[in-house]
C-alpha atoms as a PDB file:
ATOM      1  CA  MET A   1       0.201   0.215   0.055  1.00  0.00           C
ATOM      2  CA  LYS A   2       1.151   3.098  -0.817  1.00  0.00           C
ATOM      3  CA  THR A   3       1.443   6.312   1.509  1.00  0.00           C
ATOM      4  CA  GLU A   4      -0.079   9.458  -0.184  1.00  0.00           C
ATOM      5  CA  PRO A   5       1.929  12.620   0.687  1.00  0.00           C
ATOM      6  CA  VAL A   6       0.249  14.716   3.308  1.00  0.00           C
ATOM      7  CA  LEU A   7      -0.449  17.860   1.126  1.00  0.00           C
ATOM      8  CA  GLY A   8       1.027  21.336   1.923  1.00  0.00           C
ATOM      9  CA  TYR A   9       3.631  19.880   4.653  1.00  0.00           C
ATOM     10  CA  PRO A  10       6.905  21.208   2.531  1.00  0.00           C
ATOM     11  CA  ALA A  11       4.877  24.739   2.883  1.00  0.00           C
ATOM     12  CA  ASN A  12       4.099  24.546   6.350  1.00  0.00           C
ATOM     13  CA  ASN A  13       7.788  23.663   7.206  1.00  0.00           C
ATOM     14  CA  ASP A  14       9.120  26.292   4.984  1.00  0.00           C
ATOM     15  CA  LYS A  15       6.709  28.766   7.154  1.00  0.00           C
ATOM     16  CA  LEU A  16       7.802  27.210  10.761  1.00  0.00           C
ATOM     17  CA  ASN A  17      11.566  27.902   9.599  1.00  0.00           C
ATOM     18  CA  LYS A  18      10.983  31.664   8.567  1.00  0.00           C
ATOM     19  CA  ILE A  19       9.206  31.926  11.721  1.00  0.00           C
ATOM     20  CA  THR A  20      11.534  30.197  13.801  1.00  0.00           C
ATOM     21  CA  ALA A  21      14.786  32.243  12.088  1.00  0.00           C
ATOM     22  CA  ALA A  22      12.462  35.729  12.496  1.00  0.00           C
ATOM     23  CA  VAL A  23      12.496  34.979  16.418  1.00  0.00           C
ATOM     24  CA  VAL A  24      16.122  33.727  16.542  1.00  0.00           C
ATOM     25  CA  PHE A  25      17.430  37.250  14.543  1.00  0.00           C
ATOM     26  CA  SER A  26      14.939  39.424  16.414  1.00  0.00           C
ATOM     27  CA  ALA A  27      16.415  37.833  20.171  1.00  0.00           C
ATOM     28  CA  VAL A  28      19.684  38.121  18.654  1.00  0.00           C
ATOM     29  CA  PHE A  29      19.067  41.696  17.746  1.00  0.00           C
ATOM     30  CA  ILE A  30      17.418  42.392  21.438  1.00  0.00           C
ATOM     31  CA  MET A  31      20.541  40.869  23.091  1.00  0.00           C
ATOM     32  CA  LEU A  32      22.871  42.973  20.888  1.00  0.00           C
ATOM     33  CA  VAL A  33      20.953  46.523  21.405  1.00  0.00           C
ATOM     34  CA  PHE A  34      20.936  45.557  25.449  1.00  0.00           C
ATOM     35  CA  SER A  35      24.442  44.327  25.357  1.00  0.00           C
ATOM     36  CA  ILE A  36      25.402  47.733  23.421  1.00  0.00           C
ATOM     37  CA  TYR A  37      23.125  49.854  26.000  1.00  0.00           C
ATOM     38  CA  ALA A  38      25.171  47.794  29.009  1.00  0.00           C
ATOM     39  CA  GLU A  39      28.438  48.557  27.868  1.00  0.00           C
ATOM     40  CA  LYS A  40      27.619  52.307  27.148  1.00  0.00           C
ATOM     41  CA  VAL A  41      26.337  52.892  30.596  1.00  0.00           C
ATOM     42  CA  ASN A  42      29.496  51.165  32.235  1.00  0.00           C
ATOM     43  CA  ARG A  43      32.015  52.949  30.347  1.00  0.00           C
ATOM     44  CA  SER A  44      30.432  55.998  31.629  1.00  0.00           C
ATOM     45  CA  LEU A  45      29.582  55.178  35.007  1.00  0.00           C
ATOM     46  CA  SER A  46      33.636  53.751  34.855  1.00  0.00           C
ATOM     47  CA  GLY A  47      34.518  57.315  32.730  1.00  0.00           C
ATOM     48  CA  ASN A  48      33.549  59.217  35.887  1.00  0.00           C
ATOM     49  CA  MET A  49      34.374  56.937  39.108  1.00  0.00           C
ATOM     50  CA  ILE A  50      37.201  55.509  40.990  1.00  0.00           C
ATOM     51  CA  ARG A  51      36.477  52.624  43.312  1.00  0.00           C
ATOM     52  CA  LEU A  52      38.195  51.281  45.756  1.00  0.00           C
ATOM     53  CA  HIS A  53      38.692  47.474  46.496  1.00  0.00           C
ATOM     54  CA  ILE A  54      40.492  46.165  49.350  1.00  0.00           C
ATOM     55  CA  VAL A  55      41.367  42.386  49.702  1.00  0.00           C
ATOM     56  CA  ALA A  56      42.467  41.061  52.956  1.00  0.00           C
ATOM     57  CA  ASN A  57      45.006  38.225  53.533  1.00  0.00           C
ATOM     58  CA  SER A  58      42.462  36.133  55.182  1.00  0.00           C
ATOM     59  CA  ASP A  59      39.276  35.694  56.698  1.00  0.00           C
ATOM     60  CA  SER A  60      40.805  35.400  60.374  1.00  0.00           C
ATOM     61  CA  LYS A  61      39.625  38.144  62.688  1.00  0.00           C
ATOM     62  CA  ALA A  62      43.062  39.464  62.248  1.00  0.00           C
ATOM     63  CA  ASP A  63      43.330  40.118  59.202  1.00  0.00           C
ATOM     64  CA  GLN A  64      40.529  41.103  58.598  1.00  0.00           C
ATOM     65  CA  ASP A  65      40.820  43.937  61.726  1.00  0.00           C
ATOM     66  CA  ILE A  66      43.829  44.887  59.641  1.00  0.00           C
ATOM     67  CA  LYS A  67      42.174  45.316  56.319  1.00  0.00           C
ATOM     68  CA  TYR A  68      39.678  47.652  58.401  1.00  0.00           C
ATOM     69  CA  LEU A  69      42.732  49.515  59.549  1.00  0.00           C
ATOM     70  CA  ILE A  70      44.170  50.033  56.365  1.00  0.00           C
ATOM     71  CA  ARG A  71      40.888  51.130  54.976  1.00  0.00           C
ATOM     72  CA  ASP A  72      40.736  53.697  57.856  1.00  0.00           C
ATOM     73  CA  GLU A  73      44.383  54.629  57.030  1.00  0.00           C
ATOM     74  CA  ILE A  74      43.648  55.633  53.282  1.00  0.00           C
ATOM     75  CA  VAL A  75      40.404  57.108  53.515  1.00  0.00           C
ATOM     76  CA  ASN A  76      41.968  59.719  56.048  1.00  0.00           C
ATOM     77  CA  HIS A  77      44.799  60.187  53.463  1.00  0.00           C
ATOM     78  CA  MET A  78      42.383  60.938  50.761  1.00  0.00           C
ATOM     79  CA  THR A  79      40.334  63.059  52.632  1.00  0.00           C
ATOM     80  CA  SER A  80      42.743  64.986  53.392  1.00  0.00           C
ATOM     81  CA  ILE A  81      43.756  66.052  49.883  1.00  0.00           C
ATOM     82  CA  ALA A  82      40.423  65.662  48.658  1.00  0.00           C
ATOM     83  CA  ASP A  83      39.528  69.473  48.528  1.00  0.00           C
ATOM     84  CA  GLN A  84      42.477  69.399  45.605  1.00  0.00           C
ATOM     85  CA  LEU A  85      40.936  66.429  43.617  1.00  0.00           C
ATOM     86  CA  LYS A  86      38.645  68.285  41.789  1.00  0.00           C
ATOM     87  CA  SER A  87      37.736  65.773  38.678  1.00  0.00           C
ATOM     88  CA  LYS A  88      38.385  62.035  37.981  1.00  0.00           C
ATOM     89  CA  GLU A  89      41.248  62.787  36.242  1.00  0.00           C
ATOM     90  CA  ASP A  90      42.947  64.683  39.249  1.00  0.00           C
ATOM     91  CA  ALA A  91      42.182  61.688  41.223  1.00  0.00           C
ATOM     92  CA  LYS A  92      43.522  59.488  38.656  1.00  0.00           C
ATOM     93  CA  ALA A  93      46.759  61.799  38.063  1.00  0.00           C
ATOM     94  CA  TYR A  94      47.089  61.894  41.833  1.00  0.00           C
ATOM     95  CA  ILE A  95      46.697  58.225  42.843  1.00  0.00           C
ATOM     96  CA  LYS A  96      48.891  56.644  39.957  1.00  0.00           C
ATOM     97  CA  ASN A  97      51.914  59.603  40.661  1.00  0.00           C
ATOM     98  CA  ASN A  98      51.796  57.866  44.864  1.00  0.00           C
ATOM     99  CA  ILE A  99      51.136  54.415  43.915  1.00  0.00           C
ATOM    100  CA  GLU A 100      54.206  54.311  46.391  1.00  0.00           C
ATOM    101  CA  LYS A 101      52.942  56.164  49.240  1.00  0.00           C
ATOM    102  CA  LEU A 102      49.226  54.713  49.645  1.00  0.00           C
ATOM    103  CA  GLU A 103      51.816  50.966  49.668  1.00  0.00           C
ATOM    104  CA  ASN A 104      53.870  52.852  52.375  1.00  0.00           C
ATOM    105  CA  ILE A 105      50.687  54.121  54.088  1.00  0.00           C
ATOM    106  CA  ALA A 106      48.833  50.413  53.920  1.00  0.00           C
ATOM    107  CA  ASN A 107      52.626  48.736  55.010  1.00  0.00           C
ATOM    108  CA  LYS A 108      52.903  51.008  57.854  1.00  0.00           C
ATOM    109  CA  ALA A 109      49.330  49.356  59.318  1.00  0.00           C
ATOM    110  CA  ILE A 110      50.521  46.323  58.803  1.00  0.00           C
ATOM    111  CA  ALA A 111      53.414  46.624  60.649  1.00  0.00           C
ATOM    112  CA  HIS A 112      51.917  48.304  63.171  1.00  0.00           C
ATOM    113  CA  SER A 113      49.465  45.462  63.988  1.00  0.00           C
ATOM    114  CA  GLY A 114      52.623  43.054  63.824  1.00  0.00           C
ATOM    115  CA  SER A 115      52.243  40.753  61.093  1.00  0.00           C
ATOM    116  CA  ALA A 116      54.957  40.162  58.706  1.00  0.00           C
ATOM    117  CA  TYR A 117      53.325  40.444  55.282  1.00  0.00           C
ATOM    118  CA  THR A 118      53.054  43.490  52.699  1.00  0.00           C
ATOM    119  CA  ALA A 119      50.338  45.165  50.316  1.00  0.00           C
ATOM    120  CA  GLU A 120      50.300  45.875  46.931  1.00  0.00           C
ATOM    121  CA  VAL A 121      49.016  48.568  45.344  1.00  0.00           C
ATOM    122  CA  SER A 122      47.863  48.683  42.004  1.00  0.00           C
ATOM    123  CA  TYR A 123      45.332  50.888  39.806  1.00  0.00           C
ATOM    124  CA  GLY A 124      43.387  49.615  36.743  1.00  0.00           C
ATOM    125  CA  LYS A 125      39.755  48.204  35.460  1.00  0.00           C
ATOM    126  CA  TYR A 126      38.213  45.583  37.793  1.00  0.00           C
ATOM    127  CA  PRO A 127      35.328  43.964  38.606  1.00  0.00           C
ATOM    128  CA  PHE A 128      33.012  44.835  40.848  1.00  0.00           C
ATOM    129  CA  PRO A 129      29.577  43.344  42.390  1.00  0.00           C
ATOM    130  CA  SER A 130      26.577  45.593  41.943  1.00  0.00           C
ATOM    131  CA  LYS A 131      26.508  47.547  45.297  1.00  0.00           C
ATOM    132  CA  ARG A 132      24.324  50.099  47.041  1.00  0.00           C
ATOM    133  CA  TYR A 133      25.445  53.395  48.917  1.00  0.00           C
ATOM    134  CA  ASN A 134      21.920  54.125  50.375  1.00  0.00           C
ATOM    135  CA  ASN A 135      21.040  56.902  47.872  1.00  0.00           C
ATOM    136  CA  ILE A 136      22.724  55.455  44.666  1.00  0.00           C
ATOM    137  CA  ILE A 137      23.074  51.873  43.541  1.00  0.00           C
ATOM    138  CA  LEU A 138      25.844  51.008  41.033  1.00  0.00           C
ATOM    139  CA  PRO A 139      25.596  48.052  38.519  1.00  0.00           C
ATOM    140  CA  ALA A 140      28.014  45.350  38.375  1.00  0.00           C
ATOM    141  CA  GLY A 141      30.984  46.132  35.772  1.00  0.00           C
ATOM    142  CA  TYR A 142      34.290  46.922  35.198  1.00  0.00           C
ATOM    143  CA  TYR A 143      35.524  50.092  37.093  1.00  0.00           C
ATOM    144  CA  ASP A 144      38.528  52.297  37.248  1.00  0.00           C
ATOM    145  CA  SER A 145      39.792  51.060  40.780  1.00  0.00           C
ATOM    146  CA  VAL A 146      42.630  51.311  43.402  1.00  0.00           C
ATOM    147  CA  LYS A 147      43.107  47.628  44.339  1.00  0.00           C
ATOM    148  CA  ILE A 148      44.900  47.206  47.704  1.00  0.00           C
ATOM    149  CA  ASP A 149      46.092  43.389  47.965  1.00  0.00           C
ATOM    150  CA  ILE A 150      46.857  42.421  51.516  1.00  0.00           C
ATOM    151  CA  GLY A 151      49.324  39.253  51.806  1.00  0.00           C
ATOM    152  CA  LYS A 152      48.248  36.568  50.146  1.00  0.00           C
ATOM    153  CA  ALA A 153      44.810  38.416  49.427  1.00  0.00           C
ATOM    154  CA  GLU A 154      42.118  35.434  49.704  1.00  0.00           C
ATOM    155  CA  GLY A 155      40.336  37.017  52.387  1.00  0.00           C
ATOM    156  CA  GLN A 156      36.889  38.901  52.200  1.00  0.00           C
ATOM    157  CA  ASN A 157      37.255  42.102  50.239  1.00  0.00           C
ATOM    158  CA  TRP A 158      35.896  45.767  51.300  1.00  0.00           C
ATOM    159  CA  TRP A 159      34.746  48.093  48.258  1.00  0.00           C
ATOM    160  CA  CYS A 160      33.918  51.954  48.244  1.00  0.00           C
ATOM    161  CA  VAL A 161      33.716  54.941  45.674  1.00  0.00           C
ATOM    162  CA  MET A 162      36.941  56.468  46.116  1.00  0.00           C
ATOM    163  CA  PHE A 163      36.350  59.299  43.168  1.00  0.00           C
ATOM    164  CA  PRO A 164      33.517  61.112  43.861  1.00  0.00           C
ATOM    165  CA  PRO A 165      34.518  60.471  47.650  1.00  0.00           C
ATOM    166  CA  LEU A 166      31.645  58.548  48.699  1.00  0.00           C
ATOM    167  CA  CYS A 167      34.224  56.233  50.725  1.00  0.00           C
ATOM    168  CA  PHE A 168      34.540  59.742  53.404  1.00  0.00           C
ATOM    169  CA  VAL A 169      30.774  59.742  54.597  1.00  0.00           C
ATOM    170  CA  ASP A 170      29.254  58.709  57.570  1.00  0.00           C
ATOM    171  CA  GLU A 171      28.207  55.159  57.330  1.00  0.00           C
ATOM    172  CA  THR A 172      25.576  55.432  59.324  1.00  0.00           C
ATOM    173  CA  LYS A 173      24.213  58.126  56.920  1.00  0.00           C
ATOM    174  CA  GLY A 174      25.681  56.395  53.586  1.00  0.00           C
ATOM    175  CA  GLU A 175      24.714  59.400  51.574  1.00  0.00           C
ATOM    176  CA  MET A 176      27.067  61.268  49.003  1.00  0.00           C
ATOM    177  CA  ASP A 177      27.673  64.881  49.581  1.00  0.00           C
ATOM    178  CA  GLN A 178      25.736  66.944  47.813  1.00  0.00           C
ATOM    179  CA  GLU A 179      28.830  68.665  46.215  1.00  0.00           C
ATOM    180  CA  TYR A 180      29.977  65.343  45.214  1.00  0.00           C
ATOM    181  CA  PHE A 181      26.006  64.267  44.236  1.00  0.00           C
ATOM    182  CA  ASP A 182      26.242  67.361  41.278  1.00  0.00           C
ATOM    183  CA  MET A 183      29.946  66.675  40.095  1.00  0.00           C
ATOM    184  CA  LEU A 184      28.579  63.539  39.242  1.00  0.00           C
ATOM    185  CA  LYS A 185      25.186  64.468  37.938  1.00  0.00           C
ATOM    186  CA  ASN A 186      26.744  67.258  35.724  1.00  0.00           C
ATOM    187  CA  GLU A 187      29.328  64.080  33.666  1.00  0.00           C
ATOM    188  CA  LEU A 188      26.182  61.603  33.615  1.00  0.00           C
ATOM    189  CA  SER A 189      23.119  61.984  31.430  1.00  0.00           C
ATOM    190  CA  GLU A 190      19.968  61.656  32.886  1.00  0.00           C
ATOM    191  CA  ASP A 191      18.985  58.206  32.023  1.00  0.00           C
ATOM    192  CA  GLU A 192      22.279  57.134  33.189  1.00  0.00           C
ATOM    193  CA  MET A 193      21.656  59.299  37.081  1.00  0.00           C
ATOM    194  CA  SER A 194      18.121  57.446  37.281  1.00  0.00           C
ATOM    195  CA  ILE A 195      19.746  53.691  36.820  1.00  0.00           C
ATOM    196  CA  ILE A 196      21.484  54.392  39.457  1.00  0.00           C
ATOM    197  CA  MET A 197      19.609  56.437  41.935  1.00  0.00           C
ATOM    198  CA  ALA A 198      18.199  53.803  44.796  1.00  0.00           C
ATOM    199  CA  ALA A 199      14.761  52.368  44.195  1.00  0.00           C
ATOM    200  CA  SER A 200      12.396  54.131  46.407  1.00  0.00           C
ATOM    201  CA  GLY A 201       8.334  53.478  46.732  1.00  0.00           C
ATOM    202  CA  SER A 202       7.862  55.851  43.901  1.00  0.00           C
ATOM    203  CA  GLU A 203      10.489  54.167  41.570  1.00  0.00           C
ATOM    204  CA  GLU A 204       9.316  53.451  38.084  1.00  0.00           C
ATOM    205  CA  ILE A 205       9.409  49.839  36.934  1.00  0.00           C
ATOM    206  CA  PRO A 206      11.639  50.669  33.652  1.00  0.00           C
ATOM    207  CA  VAL A 207      14.538  52.442  35.511  1.00  0.00           C
ATOM    208  CA  GLU A 208      14.676  48.716  37.700  1.00  0.00           C
ATOM    209  CA  ILE A 209      14.641  47.031  34.426  1.00  0.00           C
ATOM    210  CA  ARG A 210      17.188  49.472  32.812  1.00  0.00           C
ATOM    211  CA  PHE A 211      19.312  48.618  35.735  1.00  0.00           C
ATOM    212  CA  LYS A 212      18.401  44.628  35.708  1.00  0.00           C
ATOM    213  CA  ILE A 213      19.524  45.081  32.209  1.00  0.00           C
ATOM    214  CA  VAL A 214      23.024  46.945  32.682  1.00  0.00           C
ATOM    215  CA  GLU A 215      23.736  44.443  35.755  1.00  0.00           C
ATOM    216  CA  LEU A 216      22.775  40.770  33.593  1.00  0.00           C
ATOM    217  CA  PHE A 217      24.916  41.803  30.780  1.00  0.00           C
ATOM    218  CA  GLN A 218      27.878  43.099  33.043  1.00  0.00           C
ATOM    219  CA  GLN A 219      27.944  40.166  35.199  1.00  0.00           C
ATOM    220  CA  SER A 220      27.842  37.884  32.422  1.00  0.00           C
ATOM    221  CA  LYS A 221      30.958  39.476  31.163  1.00  0.00           C
ATOM    222  CA  ILE A 222      32.564  38.901  34.207  1.00  0.00           C
ATOM    223  CA  LYS A 223      32.371  35.382  34.501  1.00  0.00           C
ATOM    224  CA  LEU A 224      33.012  34.843  30.792  1.00  0.00           C
ATOM    225  CA  ALA A 225      36.477  37.129  31.293  1.00  0.00           C
ATOM    226  CA  ASN A 226      36.993  35.006  34.889  1.00  0.00           C
ATOM    227  CA  LEU A 227      36.217  31.697  32.408  1.00  0.00           C
ATOM    228  CA  PHE A 228      39.010  32.568  30.276  1.00  0.00           C
ATOM    229  CA  ARG A 229      41.355  33.107  32.691  1.00  0.00           C
ATOM    230  CA  GLY A 230      40.949  29.813  34.403  1.00  0.00           C
ATOM    231  CA  ILE A 231      41.320  27.854  31.036  1.00  0.00           C
ATOM    232  CA  ILE A 232      44.435  29.861  30.033  1.00  0.00           C
ATOM    233  CA  ARG A 233      45.505  29.535  33.426  1.00  0.00           C
ATOM    234  CA  PHE A 234      45.127  25.552  33.376  1.00  0.00           C
ATOM    235  CA  ASN A 235      46.555  25.191  29.767  1.00  0.00           C
END
């Protein structure tokens, strides 16, 4: 017995393939647009901020105490010259020209504690998780930052914003001084400012969605970078 071909099947299959291709193309296009948007926001934020990242030698109480001691000494030093730093470029130039001084401050704090290891200070672009500072919230991504590795640098981290100097405000208040807030506001677009403003009861959902878009793509970028570094080290 011969089986009759199902009439119209090739046409239906071709139509399904076209729909699938259109859906895939649309998804790729949307992902590309979101990726470009996320990268633009992160570059703008990084271009106007310098963050601080301190990594403790270990998670022991003694090593964590040293981490906070170094934090206090570095913050106190930067506070003493804050009036001289009117822009990110001023802060960047000072930091890059005074890496050794910052290391000496950190190592003096370590020596005062009686520990034998040392700290290494570097300036570059490093990955950061999303972080809330009460009246602003910064999405995950790569930021220009000062990194202080203490000893083996295997302990818990401490994160902050060195410029504008959010590190220097009262932690119980946690708000950026109006002077520095205005400085940041002048450098960022209205859309970018709306993204980093902390969510409140009146915050619009689209803003939260834009923040999640930036956060998702930047977190994925960081994970991929770490994966490739792991593969390279393994090889």
